[in-house]
Amino acid sequence: MDHVRPNVGGGAGGQPLRPVVRHRGLAVLALATTAVVAGVQYKKRSMQRNEQAQKNSGGSNYYVSVDRSGGGI
């Protein structure tokens, strides 16, 4: 006859539940890295759209973006 053990630990087979994230620092680092990469990609696409809009604006506007002019004042 098999004895039925109550699931006291909460996990499968009576094993205690493990936290979903074992290495919290690694998860935070991965999330931060993802955020930085996403921010850089957003800025890159934004600059590309701006440059394209300037090229397609037509006319002889001698506007040069600060990124291309070498700086501000």
Protein backbone atom coordinates (compact mmCIF):
# COMPACT_ATOMS: atom_id res chain seq x y z
CA MET A 1 0.00 0.00 0.00
CA ASP A 2 1.35 3.41 -0.97
CA HIS A 3 1.40 6.09 1.59
CA VAL A 4 0.19 9.47 0.42
CA ARG A 5 2.35 12.28 1.67
CA PRO A 6 0.83 15.74 1.93
CA ASN A 7 2.45 18.35 -0.25
CA VAL A 8 3.82 20.41 2.62
CA GLY A 9 6.61 22.17 0.72
CA GLY A 10 4.31 23.47 -1.99
CA GLY A 11 6.33 22.21 -4.96
CA ALA A 12 6.08 19.07 -7.04
CA GLY A 13 7.06 15.95 -5.17
CA GLY A 14 7.21 17.72 -1.85
CA GLN A 15 10.09 19.95 -2.92
CA PRO A 16 10.03 23.47 -1.52
CA LEU A 17 9.13 26.21 -3.97
CA ARG A 18 12.17 27.95 -5.39
CA PRO A 19 12.09 31.61 -6.21
CA VAL A 20 11.37 32.36 -9.85
CA VAL A 21 14.54 34.40 -10.14
CA ARG A 22 17.57 32.74 -8.60
CA HIS A 23 20.07 35.42 -9.51
CA ARG A 24 18.35 38.71 -8.92
CA GLY A 25 21.46 40.76 -9.73
CA LEU A 26 21.84 39.04 -13.08
CA ALA A 27 18.20 39.73 -13.91
CA VAL A 28 18.60 43.40 -13.01
CA LEU A 29 21.77 43.63 -15.12
CA ALA A 30 20.01 42.00 -18.09
CA LEU A 31 17.05 44.37 -17.74
CA ALA A 32 19.33 47.41 -17.52
CA THR A 33 21.32 46.27 -20.55
CA THR A 34 18.12 45.77 -22.52
CA ALA A 35 16.94 49.25 -21.55
CA VAL A 36 20.23 50.84 -22.64
CA VAL A 37 20.21 49.01 -25.97
CA ALA A 38 16.59 50.01 -26.58
CA GLY A 39 17.44 53.64 -25.75
CA VAL A 40 20.39 53.70 -28.14
CA GLN A 41 18.31 52.14 -30.92
CA TYR A 42 15.53 54.68 -30.34
CA LYS A 43 17.99 57.58 -30.55
CA LYS A 44 19.57 56.11 -33.69
CA ARG A 45 16.20 55.77 -35.44
CA SER A 46 15.22 59.26 -34.32
CA MET A 47 18.38 60.76 -35.82
CA GLN A 48 17.88 58.80 -39.06
CA ARG A 49 14.28 60.07 -39.36
CA ASN A 50 15.45 63.63 -38.71
CA GLU A 51 18.19 63.44 -41.31
CA GLN A 52 15.81 61.95 -43.86
CA ALA A 53 13.25 64.67 -43.17
CA GLN A 54 15.92 67.32 -43.71
CA LYS A 55 17.01 65.73 -47.00
CA ASN A 56 13.43 65.46 -48.25
CA SER A 57 12.38 68.95 -47.17
CA GLY A 58 13.48 70.42 -50.50
CA GLY A 59 14.38 74.01 -51.15
CA SER A 60 17.65 75.58 -50.18
CA ASN A 61 17.43 75.66 -46.44
CA TYR A 62 21.01 75.65 -45.29
CA TYR A 63 20.09 74.13 -41.96
CA VAL A 64 22.65 71.69 -40.62
CA SER A 65 21.79 69.66 -37.57
CA VAL A 66 23.90 70.19 -34.47
CA ASP A 67 25.10 66.60 -34.72
CA ARG A 68 26.62 67.34 -38.12
CA SER A 69 27.79 70.90 -37.54
CA GLY A 70 30.38 70.08 -34.93
CA GLY A 71 28.66 71.41 -31.86
CA GLY A 72 26.80 74.34 -30.52
CA ILE A 73 27.90 77.71 -29.27
